[in-house]
Amino acid sequence: MTRVFSGVKPTGHLTLGNYLGAMRQWAAVDQHRADALFCIVDLHALTVDHDPARVRRLSRQAATLLLAVGLDPALCTVFVQSHVDEHARLSYVLECVATDGEMRRMIQYKEKAARERERGGSVRLSLLTYPVLMAADILVYGADEVPVGDDQAQHVELTRDLAVRFNQRYGHTFVVPKASLPTVAARVMNLQEPTSKMGKSDDSGPGIVYLLDEPDVVRKKITRAVTDSGREIVYDRQERPGVANLLEILAACTGGNPEALSGVYESYGSLKKDTAEAVVELLSPVQERHRALCADPGYVEGVLRDGAERARALARPTVDAAYRAIGLLPAASDTGAEVVLNAAR
């Protein structure tokens, strides 16, 4: 069976972009067709300045929302990255295969490092190397596919490069994965800055619809969304990014086609109204399920505990194989250690 892996980073509240770009596909498609693992990648949240208590809080919220959008522990594995030590173990080995140049060419590193410098902060080394940890997240489970938004496609390509390079140098150890991208709304854009992604780590709250936003808040944000000059409703991502973003969101929520929908509307007001109501309707069952899960925290903890146990069982053989292949001395078993000690005596 095909194995898929993907994850969410607890650096902010999950957004409509996270849902339409990835999470909905995980629940509706991926967990049913494959051996699927979905992870809260909390180690990645440490690459920038952060509040430890907030990371813990957002990690729990992300786990709860993964279940709320429809991930079923009977069908897939849901767990927290830091609960499985093999991620960090494999990451260092892959750092010994990756190059400095590869890391510095990563688009997200360039963008995030530039923002940190603009704020007068320092850039953590982990921000440079975290794509290798992301590669370890994928390769440790032998994932065939990685369902991601298009902004993460470059990281999957790096993962492929590292897997191929390791296999060529040290013997076949890793499955070489591929990215799978949603066809509609793969990258939902900020409502106030429609040329920028709707990112959960952004400070521009008015342009971001969060999964737990109240209906009236959703309506207000979409009503105030930036559109474009001119009155004609045309689907053109390059020339009319604001309108195109609304059409893509509406299409993703209703199962329509953004280009076809552009011929239905004659005013921005009606487009915004229908888009807002479609988003409210889409998020309503997610929010209801989230409230129920929050009332039963023991259930969520149990899911994460069981998920980590299964993930460790899958990951350990791969990491052990990678350690042997690259030249590390295997750890002695308990029995073997006793033999050595007895011989020394």
Protein backbone atom coordinates (compact mmCIF):
# COMPACT_ATOMS: atom_id res chain seq x y z
CA MET A 1 0.00 0.00 0.00
CA THR A 2 1.14 3.53 -0.75
CA ARG A 3 2.39 5.40 2.30
CA VAL A 4 1.86 9.15 2.69
CA PHE A 5 3.24 11.58 5.26
CA SER A 6 2.52 15.22 5.93
CA GLY A 7 2.41 17.60 8.86
CA VAL A 8 1.46 20.97 10.28
CA LYS A 9 3.72 23.36 12.15
CA PRO A 10 2.36 24.85 15.40
CA THR A 11 3.62 28.39 14.80
CA GLY A 12 0.16 29.94 14.65
CA HIS A 13 -3.53 29.14 14.56
CA LEU A 14 -4.46 26.94 11.61
CA THR A 15 -6.12 28.76 8.74
CA LEU A 16 -8.54 28.30 5.89
CA GLY A 17 -5.47 28.03 3.69
CA ASN A 18 -4.17 25.08 5.70
CA TYR A 19 -7.55 23.39 5.41
CA LEU A 20 -8.23 23.96 1.71
CA GLY A 21 -4.61 23.53 0.72
CA ALA A 22 -3.93 20.26 2.52
CA MET A 23 -5.95 19.12 5.54
CA ARG A 24 -9.24 18.54 3.74
CA GLN A 25 -7.53 16.31 1.19
CA TRP A 26 -5.85 14.38 4.01
CA ALA A 27 -9.24 13.61 5.57
CA ALA A 28 -11.30 13.08 2.43
CA VAL A 29 -8.79 11.21 0.27
CA ASP A 30 -5.39 10.33 1.66
CA GLN A 31 -6.33 8.47 4.83
CA HIS A 32 -8.68 6.24 2.83
CA ARG A 33 -6.37 5.34 -0.05
CA ALA A 34 -3.04 4.90 1.74
CA ASP A 35 -1.16 4.10 4.92
CA ALA A 36 -1.16 7.72 6.09
CA LEU A 37 0.78 9.47 8.85
CA PHE A 38 0.01 13.03 9.89
CA CYS A 39 2.26 14.86 12.31
CA ILE A 40 2.35 18.04 14.38
CA VAL A 41 5.92 19.07 13.53
CA ASP A 42 6.63 20.95 16.74
CA LEU A 43 10.43 20.82 16.41
CA HIS A 44 10.10 23.08 13.37
CA ALA A 45 8.42 25.71 15.55
CA LEU A 46 11.70 26.21 17.42
CA THR A 47 13.54 27.67 14.41
CA VAL A 48 12.42 31.22 15.28
CA ASP A 49 11.89 33.15 18.49
CA HIS A 50 8.93 31.58 20.28
CA ASP A 51 7.01 31.36 23.53
CA PRO A 52 7.34 27.76 24.85
CA ALA A 53 3.89 27.79 26.43
CA ARG A 54 2.35 28.99 23.17
CA VAL A 55 4.06 26.24 21.18
CA ARG A 56 2.62 23.63 23.54
CA ARG A 57 -0.82 25.22 23.36
CA LEU A 58 -0.81 25.45 19.58
CA SER A 59 0.50 21.89 19.27
CA ARG A 60 -2.48 20.59 21.23
CA GLN A 61 -4.85 22.80 19.25
CA ALA A 62 -3.39 21.57 15.95
CA ALA A 63 -3.78 17.95 17.03
CA THR A 64 -7.39 18.58 18.01
CA LEU A 65 -8.12 20.30 14.71
CA LEU A 66 -6.59 17.46 12.69
CA LEU A 67 -9.12 15.19 14.32
CA ALA A 68 -11.88 17.77 13.94
CA VAL A 69 -11.42 18.02 10.16
CA GLY A 70 -11.99 14.29 9.90
CA LEU A 71 -8.73 12.41 10.42
CA ASP A 72 -9.69 9.05 11.91
CA PRO A 73 -7.15 7.28 14.17
CA ALA A 74 -8.62 3.99 12.98
CA LEU A 75 -7.55 4.86 9.42
CA CYS A 76 -4.35 6.90 9.89
CA THR A 77 -1.63 7.74 12.40
CA VAL A 78 -1.74 11.14 14.14
CA PHE A 79 1.18 12.05 16.39
CA VAL A 80 3.58 14.75 17.57
CA GLN A 81 7.04 14.91 15.99
CA SER A 82 9.00 15.44 19.20
CA HIS A 83 7.44 12.30 20.69
CA VAL A 84 9.39 10.21 18.17
CA ASP A 85 13.16 10.55 18.68
CA GLU A 86 13.96 8.99 15.30
CA HIS A 87 13.20 12.27 13.52
CA ALA A 88 16.11 14.02 15.22
CA ARG A 89 18.37 10.97 14.94
CA LEU A 90 17.93 10.77 11.18
CA SER A 91 18.14 14.52 10.69
CA TYR A 92 21.80 14.66 11.73
CA VAL A 93 22.72 11.81 9.39
CA LEU A 94 21.05 13.66 6.51
CA GLU A 95 22.89 16.86 7.44
CA CYS A 96 26.04 14.87 6.68
CA VAL A 97 24.71 14.34 3.15
CA ALA A 98 23.23 17.79 2.47
CA THR A 99 25.33 20.81 1.46
CA ASP A 100 25.49 24.37 2.70
CA GLY A 101 24.65 25.65 -0.77
CA GLU A 102 21.46 23.61 -0.93
CA MET A 103 20.27 25.01 2.37
CA ARG A 104 20.97 28.62 1.44
CA ARG A 105 19.11 28.29 -1.85
CA MET A 106 15.86 27.35 -0.14
CA ILE A 107 13.29 30.05 -0.84
CA GLN A 108 11.62 29.88 2.57
CA TYR A 109 14.98 30.27 4.31
CA LYS A 110 15.74 33.39 2.28
CA GLU A 111 12.34 34.91 3.03
CA LYS A 112 12.24 34.06 6.73
CA ALA A 113 15.86 35.04 7.34
CA ALA A 114 15.24 38.39 5.64
CA ARG A 115 12.22 39.03 7.89
CA GLU A 116 14.21 38.17 11.00
CA ARG A 117 17.00 40.57 9.99
CA GLU A 118 14.48 43.34 9.23
CA ARG A 119 13.15 42.96 12.77
CA GLY A 120 16.67 43.29 14.14
CA GLY A 121 16.79 39.69 15.30
CA SER A 122 19.36 36.99 14.74
CA VAL A 123 18.83 34.06 12.40
CA ARG A 124 18.99 30.70 14.15
CA LEU A 125 21.07 27.94 12.61
CA SER A 126 18.04 25.66 12.81
CA LEU A 127 16.23 27.94 10.35
CA LEU A 128 18.93 27.12 7.81
CA THR A 129 18.93 23.39 8.46
CA TYR A 130 15.26 22.70 9.11
CA PRO A 131 14.62 21.47 5.52
CA VAL A 132 16.90 18.55 6.39
CA LEU A 133 14.76 17.80 9.44
CA MET A 134 11.74 17.97 7.14
CA ALA A 135 13.46 15.47 4.84
CA ALA A 136 14.03 13.22 7.85
CA ASP A 137 10.34 13.52 8.77
CA ILE A 138 9.45 12.09 5.37
CA LEU A 139 12.20 9.56 4.77
CA VAL A 140 12.05 7.99 8.23
CA TYR A 141 8.66 6.46 7.35
CA GLY A 142 9.44 5.37 3.81
CA ALA A 143 6.73 7.69 2.51
CA ASP A 144 5.88 7.35 -1.17
CA GLU A 145 3.92 10.59 -1.34
CA VAL A 146 3.88 13.89 0.53
CA PRO A 147 0.60 15.82 0.14
CA VAL A 148 1.59 19.48 0.55
CA GLY A 149 0.75 22.98 -0.57
CA ASP A 150 2.80 24.26 -3.51
CA ASP A 151 4.96 26.42 -1.22
CA GLN A 152 6.47 23.24 0.23
CA ALA A 153 7.20 21.54 -3.10
CA GLN A 154 10.83 22.73 -3.04
CA HIS A 155 11.38 20.97 0.29
CA VAL A 156 10.06 17.71 -1.14
CA GLU A 157 12.47 18.07 -4.06
CA LEU A 158 15.32 18.47 -1.56
CA THR A 159 14.10 15.34 0.22
CA ARG A 160 14.22 13.45 -3.06
CA ASP A 161 17.74 14.70 -3.77
CA LEU A 162 19.00 13.65 -0.34
CA ALA A 163 17.40 10.22 -0.60
CA VAL A 164 18.91 9.57 -4.02
CA ARG A 165 22.34 10.84 -2.93
CA PHE A 166 22.34 8.72 0.22
CA ASN A 167 21.22 5.64 -1.69
CA GLN A 168 23.93 6.11 -4.30
CA ARG A 169 26.73 6.66 -1.77
CA TYR A 170 25.82 4.19 0.96
CA GLY A 171 23.44 1.66 -0.55
CA HIS A 172 19.70 1.67 -1.05
CA THR A 173 18.12 2.77 2.22
CA PHE A 174 15.34 5.27 1.51
CA VAL A 175 12.20 5.38 -0.57
CA VAL A 176 12.34 8.39 -2.92
CA PRO A 177 9.05 10.26 -2.33
CA LYS A 178 7.06 12.60 -4.53
CA ALA A 179 4.87 15.60 -3.74
CA SER A 180 1.13 15.48 -4.44
CA LEU A 181 -0.61 18.85 -4.80
CA PRO A 182 -4.34 19.68 -4.61
CA THR A 183 -5.77 20.89 -7.92
CA VAL A 184 -7.87 23.77 -6.54
CA ALA A 185 -6.82 26.30 -3.89
CA ALA A 186 -3.42 24.72 -3.44
CA ARG A 187 -2.29 28.10 -2.18
CA VAL A 188 -4.94 30.31 -0.60
CA MET A 189 -3.77 33.90 -0.49
CA ASN A 190 -4.03 36.60 2.17
CA LEU A 191 -7.29 38.53 1.84
CA GLN A 192 -5.50 41.84 2.41
CA GLU A 193 -2.38 40.98 0.39
CA PRO A 194 -3.58 38.63 -2.36
CA THR A 195 -0.09 38.16 -3.76
CA SER A 196 1.06 36.61 -0.45
CA LYS A 197 0.11 33.26 1.05
CA MET A 198 -2.46 33.09 3.85
CA GLY A 199 0.14 32.01 6.41
CA LYS A 200 -0.68 31.15 10.00
CA SER A 201 2.53 32.79 11.23
CA ASP A 202 1.70 36.18 9.71
CA ASP A 203 0.77 39.20 11.78
CA SER A 204 -1.86 40.38 9.29
CA GLY A 205 -4.91 39.03 11.12
CA PRO A 206 -7.56 40.82 8.99
CA GLY A 207 -6.31 38.98 5.89
CA ILE A 208 -6.37 35.53 7.46
CA VAL A 209 -9.41 33.35 8.09
CA TYR A 210 -8.63 31.02 10.99
CA LEU A 211 -10.41 27.69 11.32
CA LEU A 212 -11.80 28.72 14.70
CA ASP A 213 -12.98 32.20 13.68
CA GLU A 214 -16.60 32.92 14.60
CA PRO A 215 -19.00 33.20 11.61
CA ASP A 216 -19.38 36.98 11.95
CA VAL A 217 -15.58 37.37 12.03
CA VAL A 218 -15.30 35.30 8.84
CA ARG A 219 -17.93 37.42 7.13
CA LYS A 220 -16.24 40.65 8.16
CA LYS A 221 -12.81 39.54 6.92
CA ILE A 222 -14.09 38.37 3.55
CA THR A 223 -16.30 41.43 3.09
CA ARG A 224 -13.23 43.61 3.61
CA ALA A 225 -11.03 41.55 1.29
CA VAL A 226 -8.92 43.53 -1.17
CA THR A 227 -10.18 43.29 -4.74
CA ASP A 228 -8.82 44.92 -7.88
CA SER A 229 -9.34 47.98 -10.03
CA GLY A 230 -12.25 47.75 -12.43
CA ARG A 231 -15.68 46.23 -11.87
CA GLU A 232 -15.61 43.16 -14.09
CA ILE A 233 -15.38 39.79 -12.32
CA VAL A 234 -12.59 38.01 -14.18
CA TYR A 235 -10.52 35.02 -13.10
CA ASP A 236 -6.93 36.09 -13.75
CA ARG A 237 -4.37 35.15 -11.10
CA GLN A 238 -1.71 37.50 -12.49
CA GLU A 239 -3.70 40.63 -13.30
CA ARG A 240 -6.61 40.28 -10.85
CA PRO A 241 -5.17 38.45 -7.83
CA GLY A 242 -7.76 39.70 -5.33
CA VAL A 243 -10.77 38.52 -7.31
CA ALA A 244 -8.98 35.33 -8.33
CA ASN A 245 -8.35 34.50 -4.69
CA LEU A 246 -12.02 34.91 -3.78
CA LEU A 247 -13.09 32.80 -6.77
CA GLU A 248 -10.65 30.05 -5.84
CA ILE A 249 -11.83 30.02 -2.23
CA LEU A 250 -15.47 29.88 -3.34
CA ALA A 251 -14.70 27.11 -5.84
CA ALA A 252 -12.81 25.09 -3.24
CA CYS A 253 -15.66 25.42 -0.74
CA THR A 254 -18.45 24.54 -3.18
CA GLY A 255 -16.75 22.12 -5.56
CA GLY A 256 -17.03 24.59 -8.43
CA ASN A 257 -14.59 25.94 -10.99
CA PRO A 258 -13.14 29.42 -10.39
CA GLU A 259 -13.16 30.35 -14.06
CA ALA A 260 -16.77 29.24 -14.50
CA LEU A 261 -17.81 31.04 -11.33
CA SER A 262 -16.34 34.30 -12.63
CA GLY A 263 -19.18 34.49 -15.16
CA VAL A 264 -21.85 34.17 -12.49
CA TYR A 265 -21.15 37.42 -10.62
CA GLU A 266 -21.61 41.01 -11.65
CA SER A 267 -20.41 42.73 -8.48
CA TYR A 268 -17.73 42.32 -5.86
CA GLY A 269 -20.37 42.54 -3.15
CA SER A 270 -22.29 39.47 -4.27
CA LEU A 271 -19.07 37.50 -4.81
CA LYS A 272 -17.85 38.36 -1.32
CA LYS A 273 -21.22 37.54 0.26
CA ASP A 274 -21.41 34.09 -1.33
CA THR A 275 -17.77 33.36 -0.58
CA ALA A 276 -18.22 34.30 3.07
CA GLU A 277 -21.31 32.11 3.47
CA ALA A 278 -19.58 29.20 1.75
CA VAL A 279 -16.63 29.47 4.15
CA VAL A 280 -18.92 29.73 7.20
CA GLU A 281 -20.83 26.63 6.08
CA LEU A 282 -17.58 24.74 5.43
CA LEU A 283 -16.09 25.54 8.84
CA SER A 284 -19.23 24.98 10.93
CA PRO A 285 -18.91 21.17 11.35
CA VAL A 286 -15.16 21.48 11.97
CA GLN A 287 -15.74 23.95 14.78
CA GLU A 288 -18.52 21.84 16.27
CA ARG A 289 -16.30 18.76 16.31
CA HIS A 290 -13.43 20.80 17.77
CA ARG A 291 -15.61 21.89 20.69
CA ALA A 292 -16.57 18.27 21.38
CA LEU A 293 -12.93 17.14 21.32
CA CYS A 294 -11.86 19.95 23.65
CA ALA A 295 -14.40 18.65 26.15
CA ASP A 296 -12.63 15.26 26.09
CA PRO A 297 -8.87 16.02 26.28
CA GLY A 298 -8.09 12.48 27.41
CA TYR A 299 -9.22 11.18 24.04
CA VAL A 300 -6.84 13.47 22.14
CA GLU A 301 -3.96 12.52 24.44
CA GLY A 302 -4.68 8.85 23.83
CA VAL A 303 -4.68 9.34 20.07
CA LEU A 304 -1.31 11.08 20.21
CA ARG A 305 0.16 8.46 22.53
CA ASP A 306 -0.95 5.57 20.34
CA GLY A 307 0.12 7.42 17.21
CA ALA A 308 3.62 8.03 18.54
CA GLU A 309 3.97 4.39 19.52
CA ARG A 310 3.11 3.23 16.01
CA ALA A 311 5.29 5.91 14.41
CA ARG A 312 8.30 4.84 16.50
CA ALA A 313 7.82 1.23 15.46
CA LEU A 314 7.82 2.25 11.80
CA ALA A 315 10.72 4.68 12.06
CA ARG A 316 13.27 2.80 14.15
CA PRO A 317 14.25 0.16 11.53
CA THR A 318 14.82 2.84 8.88
CA VAL A 319 17.06 4.93 11.14
CA ASP A 320 19.00 1.87 12.26
CA ALA A 321 19.54 0.91 8.63
CA ALA A 322 20.72 4.44 7.77
CA TYR A 323 23.16 4.41 10.71
CA ARG A 324 24.64 1.11 9.57
CA ALA A 325 24.83 2.22 5.95
CA ILE A 326 26.68 5.46 6.68
CA GLY A 327 29.24 3.69 8.86
CA LEU A 328 28.11 4.01 12.46
CA LEU A 329 28.85 1.12 14.81
CA PRO A 330 25.65 -0.67 15.84
CA ALA A 331 24.76 -0.51 19.53
CA ALA A 332 25.32 -3.77 21.35
CA SER A 333 22.20 -5.65 22.38
CA ASP A 334 21.70 -6.46 26.03
CA THR A 335 22.79 -10.04 25.38
CA GLY A 336 25.79 -8.94 23.35
CA ALA A 337 26.87 -6.51 26.05
CA GLU A 338 26.80 -9.27 28.65
CA VAL A 339 29.02 -11.45 26.46
CA VAL A 340 31.57 -8.64 26.06
CA LEU A 341 31.61 -7.95 29.79
CA ASN A 342 32.05 -11.62 30.64
CA ALA A 343 34.91 -11.94 28.16
CA ALA A 344 36.61 -8.90 29.72
CA ARG A 345 36.44 -10.53 33.12
